[in-house]
N, C-alpha and C. Protein backbone atom coordinates (compact mmCIF):
# COMPACT_ATOMS: atom_id res chain seq x y z
N MET A 1 110.09 123.17 74.57
CA MET A 1 110.55 122.39 75.72
C MET A 1 109.34 122.04 76.58
N PRO A 2 109.22 120.78 76.99
CA PRO A 2 108.07 120.39 77.83
C PRO A 2 108.16 121.02 79.22
N ASN A 3 107.00 121.13 79.85
CA ASN A 3 106.95 121.65 81.21
C ASN A 3 107.62 120.66 82.16
N LEU A 4 108.44 121.18 83.03
CA LEU A 4 109.10 120.35 84.02
C LEU A 4 108.30 120.39 85.31
N ARG A 5 108.16 119.23 85.95
CA ARG A 5 107.48 119.14 87.24
C ARG A 5 108.39 118.36 88.17
N ALA A 6 108.64 118.93 89.33
CA ALA A 6 109.52 118.28 90.29
C ALA A 6 108.85 118.29 91.66
N GLY A 7 109.24 117.37 92.50
CA GLY A 7 108.69 117.30 93.85
C GLY A 7 109.47 116.30 94.66
N ASN A 8 108.97 115.98 95.83
CA ASN A 8 109.59 115.00 96.69
C ASN A 8 108.50 114.03 97.14
N ILE A 9 108.67 112.77 96.86
CA ILE A 9 107.67 111.74 97.14
C ILE A 9 107.33 111.64 98.63
N PHE A 10 108.26 112.05 99.51
CA PHE A 10 108.07 111.93 100.95
C PHE A 10 107.47 113.18 101.60
N HIS A 11 107.38 114.28 100.87
CA HIS A 11 106.89 115.53 101.46
C HIS A 11 105.36 115.61 101.47
N ASN A 12 104.84 116.24 102.51
CA ASN A 12 103.40 116.53 102.65
C ASN A 12 102.54 115.28 102.50
N LEU A 13 102.90 114.22 103.19
CA LEU A 13 102.08 113.00 103.15
C LEU A 13 100.77 113.24 103.87
N PRO A 14 99.65 112.94 103.26
CA PRO A 14 98.35 113.06 103.94
C PRO A 14 98.26 112.09 105.11
N LYS A 15 97.39 112.37 106.05
CA LYS A 15 97.23 111.53 107.25
C LYS A 15 96.72 110.14 106.91
N ALA A 16 95.79 110.01 105.98
CA ALA A 16 95.23 108.74 105.53
C ALA A 16 94.53 107.97 106.66
N LYS A 17 94.04 108.67 107.67
CA LYS A 17 93.38 107.98 108.79
C LYS A 17 92.03 107.41 108.39
N ALA A 18 91.24 108.17 107.63
CA ALA A 18 89.89 107.74 107.28
C ALA A 18 89.88 106.75 106.11
N LYS A 19 90.74 106.99 105.14
CA LYS A 19 90.79 106.10 103.97
C LYS A 19 92.13 106.24 103.27
N GLU A 20 92.42 105.25 102.45
CA GLU A 20 93.64 105.27 101.66
C GLU A 20 93.59 106.47 100.71
N VAL A 21 94.74 107.11 100.47
CA VAL A 21 94.81 108.30 99.62
C VAL A 21 95.59 107.97 98.35
N PHE A 22 95.00 108.30 97.20
CA PHE A 22 95.61 108.09 95.90
C PHE A 22 95.89 109.45 95.28
N GLN A 23 97.14 109.73 94.95
CA GLN A 23 97.52 111.02 94.39
C GLN A 23 98.27 110.82 93.08
N PRO A 24 97.64 111.17 91.95
CA PRO A 24 98.32 111.05 90.65
C PRO A 24 99.53 111.99 90.59
N LEU A 25 100.65 111.48 90.12
CA LEU A 25 101.86 112.29 89.95
C LEU A 25 102.13 112.57 88.47
N LEU A 26 101.75 111.62 87.62
CA LEU A 26 101.96 111.75 86.18
C LEU A 26 100.90 110.93 85.47
N ARG A 27 100.33 111.51 84.42
CA ARG A 27 99.30 110.81 83.68
C ARG A 27 99.51 111.06 82.20
N ASP A 28 99.35 110.00 81.43
CA ASP A 28 99.49 110.03 79.99
C ASP A 28 98.40 109.12 79.43
N LYS A 29 98.28 108.99 78.14
CA LYS A 29 97.25 108.13 77.57
C LYS A 29 97.38 106.69 78.02
N LYS A 30 98.62 106.19 78.14
CA LYS A 30 98.82 104.78 78.49
C LYS A 30 99.58 104.57 79.79
N LEU A 31 99.86 105.65 80.51
CA LEU A 31 100.69 105.56 81.70
C LEU A 31 100.12 106.43 82.82
N LYS A 32 100.09 105.87 84.03
CA LYS A 32 99.72 106.64 85.20
C LYS A 32 100.67 106.28 86.32
N VAL A 33 101.23 107.30 86.96
CA VAL A 33 102.10 107.11 88.12
C VAL A 33 101.39 107.78 89.29
N GLU A 34 101.24 107.03 90.38
CA GLU A 34 100.54 107.62 91.53
C GLU A 34 101.23 107.27 92.83
N ARG A 35 101.04 108.17 93.79
CA ARG A 35 101.50 107.97 95.16
C ARG A 35 100.29 107.52 95.95
N ILE A 36 100.46 106.44 96.72
CA ILE A 36 99.36 105.89 97.53
C ILE A 36 99.82 105.88 98.97
N ILE A 37 98.96 106.38 99.86
CA ILE A 37 99.27 106.40 101.28
C ILE A 37 98.22 105.59 102.01
N SER A 38 98.67 104.61 102.82
CA SER A 38 97.78 103.74 103.59
C SER A 38 98.13 103.86 105.07
N LEU A 39 97.13 103.67 105.91
CA LEU A 39 97.36 103.62 107.35
C LEU A 39 96.37 102.61 107.93
N GLY A 40 96.70 101.34 107.82
CA GLY A 40 95.85 100.28 108.34
C GLY A 40 94.70 99.87 107.42
N GLN A 41 94.58 100.48 106.25
CA GLN A 41 93.49 100.10 105.35
C GLN A 41 93.77 98.75 104.69
N VAL A 42 92.70 98.03 104.43
CA VAL A 42 92.76 96.74 103.75
C VAL A 42 91.62 96.69 102.73
N THR A 43 91.70 95.73 101.83
CA THR A 43 90.60 95.50 100.89
C THR A 43 89.46 94.87 101.67
N LYS A 44 88.23 95.31 101.38
CA LYS A 44 87.07 94.78 102.09
C LYS A 44 87.00 93.26 101.99
N GLU A 45 86.57 92.64 103.09
CA GLU A 45 86.45 91.17 103.15
C GLU A 45 85.62 90.66 101.98
N GLY A 46 86.13 89.65 101.29
CA GLY A 46 85.42 89.04 100.18
C GLY A 46 85.57 89.76 98.85
N GLU A 47 86.21 90.93 98.83
CA GLU A 47 86.41 91.68 97.59
C GLU A 47 87.82 91.48 97.06
N TRP A 48 87.96 91.60 95.75
CA TRP A 48 89.25 91.48 95.08
C TRP A 48 89.42 92.68 94.17
N LEU A 49 90.61 93.25 94.14
CA LEU A 49 90.93 94.33 93.23
C LEU A 49 91.28 93.71 91.88
N ARG A 50 90.86 94.38 90.81
CA ARG A 50 91.17 93.89 89.45
C ARG A 50 91.29 95.11 88.57
N GLN A 51 92.43 95.28 87.94
CA GLN A 51 92.69 96.47 87.15
C GLN A 51 92.79 96.15 85.68
N LYS A 52 92.43 97.12 84.85
CA LYS A 52 92.45 96.94 83.41
C LYS A 52 93.85 97.17 82.82
N GLN A 53 94.76 97.67 83.65
CA GLN A 53 96.13 97.89 83.19
C GLN A 53 97.11 97.10 84.05
N ASN A 54 98.28 96.86 83.52
CA ASN A 54 99.36 96.28 84.32
C ASN A 54 99.72 97.29 85.40
N GLU A 55 100.24 96.78 86.51
CA GLU A 55 100.67 97.66 87.59
C GLU A 55 102.01 97.18 88.15
N TRP A 56 102.92 98.11 88.30
CA TRP A 56 104.18 97.84 88.98
C TRP A 56 104.15 98.75 90.21
N VAL A 57 104.35 98.16 91.38
CA VAL A 57 104.24 98.95 92.61
C VAL A 57 105.43 98.64 93.52
N VAL A 58 105.92 99.69 94.19
CA VAL A 58 107.01 99.55 95.15
C VAL A 58 106.56 100.18 96.46
N LEU A 59 106.86 99.50 97.55
CA LEU A 59 106.55 100.03 98.88
C LEU A 59 107.79 100.80 99.35
N LEU A 60 107.63 102.10 99.56
CA LEU A 60 108.75 102.95 99.94
C LEU A 60 108.88 103.12 101.44
N ARG A 61 107.76 103.00 102.14
CA ARG A 61 107.74 103.18 103.60
C ARG A 61 106.60 102.33 104.16
N GLY A 62 106.77 101.83 105.38
CA GLY A 62 105.72 101.05 106.03
C GLY A 62 105.85 99.56 105.75
N LYS A 63 104.73 98.86 105.98
CA LYS A 63 104.67 97.42 105.74
C LYS A 63 103.28 97.08 105.24
N ALA A 64 103.18 95.99 104.48
CA ALA A 64 101.89 95.57 103.95
C ALA A 64 101.93 94.10 103.57
N VAL A 65 100.74 93.52 103.42
CA VAL A 65 100.61 92.12 103.00
C VAL A 65 99.59 92.06 101.88
N LEU A 66 99.96 91.43 100.76
CA LEU A 66 99.07 91.25 99.62
C LEU A 66 98.77 89.77 99.42
N SER A 67 97.62 89.49 98.83
CA SER A 67 97.31 88.12 98.41
C SER A 67 96.76 88.18 96.99
N PHE A 68 96.82 87.04 96.31
CA PHE A 68 96.42 86.95 94.91
C PHE A 68 95.50 85.76 94.75
N LEU A 69 94.37 85.96 94.07
CA LEU A 69 93.39 84.91 93.86
C LEU A 69 94.03 83.76 93.11
N GLY A 70 93.89 82.54 93.65
CA GLY A 70 94.42 81.36 93.02
C GLY A 70 95.89 81.09 93.29
N LYS A 71 96.53 81.97 94.04
CA LYS A 71 97.95 81.79 94.38
C LYS A 71 98.04 81.48 95.88
N PRO A 72 98.78 80.46 96.26
CA PRO A 72 98.89 80.12 97.68
C PRO A 72 99.71 81.15 98.44
N GLY A 73 99.38 81.32 99.71
CA GLY A 73 100.15 82.18 100.60
C GLY A 73 99.91 83.66 100.36
N VAL A 74 100.72 84.45 101.04
CA VAL A 74 100.63 85.91 100.94
C VAL A 74 102.02 86.46 100.64
N LEU A 75 102.06 87.71 100.21
CA LEU A 75 103.31 88.39 99.94
C LEU A 75 103.46 89.49 100.98
N LYS A 76 104.47 89.36 101.85
CA LYS A 76 104.74 90.37 102.87
C LYS A 76 105.74 91.37 102.30
N LEU A 77 105.35 92.65 102.33
CA LEU A 77 106.18 93.70 101.77
C LEU A 77 106.78 94.59 102.86
N LYS A 78 108.03 94.96 102.66
CA LYS A 78 108.72 95.92 103.51
C LYS A 78 109.32 96.98 102.59
N PRO A 79 109.82 98.09 103.13
CA PRO A 79 110.36 99.15 102.26
C PRO A 79 111.38 98.61 101.26
N GLY A 80 111.19 99.02 100.02
CA GLY A 80 112.07 98.59 98.93
C GLY A 80 111.53 97.43 98.12
N ASP A 81 110.56 96.70 98.66
CA ASP A 81 109.99 95.56 97.94
C ASP A 81 109.04 96.06 96.84
N TYR A 82 109.09 95.39 95.70
CA TYR A 82 108.20 95.76 94.59
C TYR A 82 107.63 94.50 93.97
N ILE A 83 106.56 94.72 93.18
CA ILE A 83 105.92 93.59 92.49
C ILE A 83 105.27 94.11 91.21
N PHE A 84 105.29 93.27 90.18
CA PHE A 84 104.56 93.51 88.95
C PHE A 84 103.26 92.72 89.05
N ILE A 85 102.13 93.41 88.88
CA ILE A 85 100.81 92.76 88.92
C ILE A 85 100.20 92.86 87.52
N PRO A 86 100.12 91.76 86.78
CA PRO A 86 99.54 91.80 85.44
C PRO A 86 98.08 92.24 85.47
N LYS A 87 97.64 92.90 84.39
CA LYS A 87 96.26 93.35 84.32
C LYS A 87 95.32 92.16 84.53
N ASN A 88 94.19 92.44 85.16
CA ASN A 88 93.12 91.49 85.45
C ASN A 88 93.45 90.44 86.52
N LEU A 89 94.67 90.47 87.09
CA LEU A 89 94.99 89.54 88.17
C LEU A 89 94.30 90.03 89.44
N ARG A 90 93.43 89.23 89.98
CA ARG A 90 92.71 89.63 91.19
C ARG A 90 93.64 89.54 92.39
N HIS A 91 93.63 90.63 93.14
CA HIS A 91 94.51 90.72 94.30
C HIS A 91 93.86 91.58 95.38
N ARG A 92 94.43 91.54 96.57
CA ARG A 92 93.86 92.31 97.67
C ARG A 92 94.96 92.68 98.66
N VAL A 93 94.73 93.77 99.38
CA VAL A 93 95.59 94.16 100.47
C VAL A 93 95.01 93.51 101.72
N GLU A 94 95.73 92.57 102.28
CA GLU A 94 95.27 91.86 103.48
C GLU A 94 95.55 92.64 104.75
N TRP A 95 96.64 93.43 104.72
CA TRP A 95 97.05 94.17 105.91
C TRP A 95 97.96 95.31 105.49
N SER A 96 97.81 96.45 106.12
CA SER A 96 98.80 97.52 106.02
C SER A 96 99.01 98.05 107.44
N ASP A 97 100.21 98.49 107.70
CA ASP A 97 100.61 98.89 109.05
C ASP A 97 99.67 99.96 109.62
N PRO A 98 99.01 99.68 110.75
CA PRO A 98 98.09 100.65 111.34
C PRO A 98 98.81 101.71 112.19
N LYS A 99 100.12 101.55 112.41
CA LYS A 99 100.87 102.48 113.27
C LYS A 99 101.75 103.44 112.48
N GLU A 100 102.09 103.04 111.26
CA GLU A 100 102.97 103.86 110.42
C GLU A 100 102.36 103.94 109.02
N ARG A 101 102.30 105.14 108.47
CA ARG A 101 101.78 105.27 107.11
C ARG A 101 102.65 104.49 106.14
N SER A 102 101.99 103.74 105.28
CA SER A 102 102.69 103.04 104.20
C SER A 102 102.63 103.93 102.97
N LEU A 103 103.75 104.07 102.31
CA LEU A 103 103.85 104.88 101.12
C LEU A 103 104.21 103.99 99.95
N TRP A 104 103.34 104.00 98.96
CA TRP A 104 103.51 103.18 97.75
C TRP A 104 103.73 104.10 96.56
N LEU A 105 104.48 103.63 95.58
CA LEU A 105 104.58 104.29 94.30
C LEU A 105 104.09 103.25 93.28
N ALA A 106 103.02 103.60 92.58
CA ALA A 106 102.42 102.66 91.63
C ALA A 106 102.53 103.22 90.21
N VAL A 107 102.90 102.34 89.28
CA VAL A 107 102.97 102.69 87.88
C VAL A 107 101.99 101.78 87.14
N HIS A 108 101.00 102.40 86.49
CA HIS A 108 99.98 101.67 85.73
C HIS A 108 100.26 101.89 84.25
N PHE A 109 100.29 100.79 83.47
CA PHE A 109 100.57 100.91 82.04
C PHE A 109 99.89 99.82 81.24
């Protein structure tokens, strides 16, 4: 029988004042699930995030704004909103709530 691991996504959230916090919850050869906590952090001006794997992310708490290279406008996220980001799609966090920690659940595959 495999080892069971249980927890609560909302418990013991780090402060995330100095920087965004990434906490792996599950990792496999082709799959990574992580909890991300933000508090006002954004992607550095002029930089774009680009990942080698697909990413599905849901915002569970807080608010945030994402943008995508070559796509017009921005995507405003509130709790419950999710998005699939295909691998190599350049994107950035334009804004995350500086008054309330934003809690993300990201699945990389």
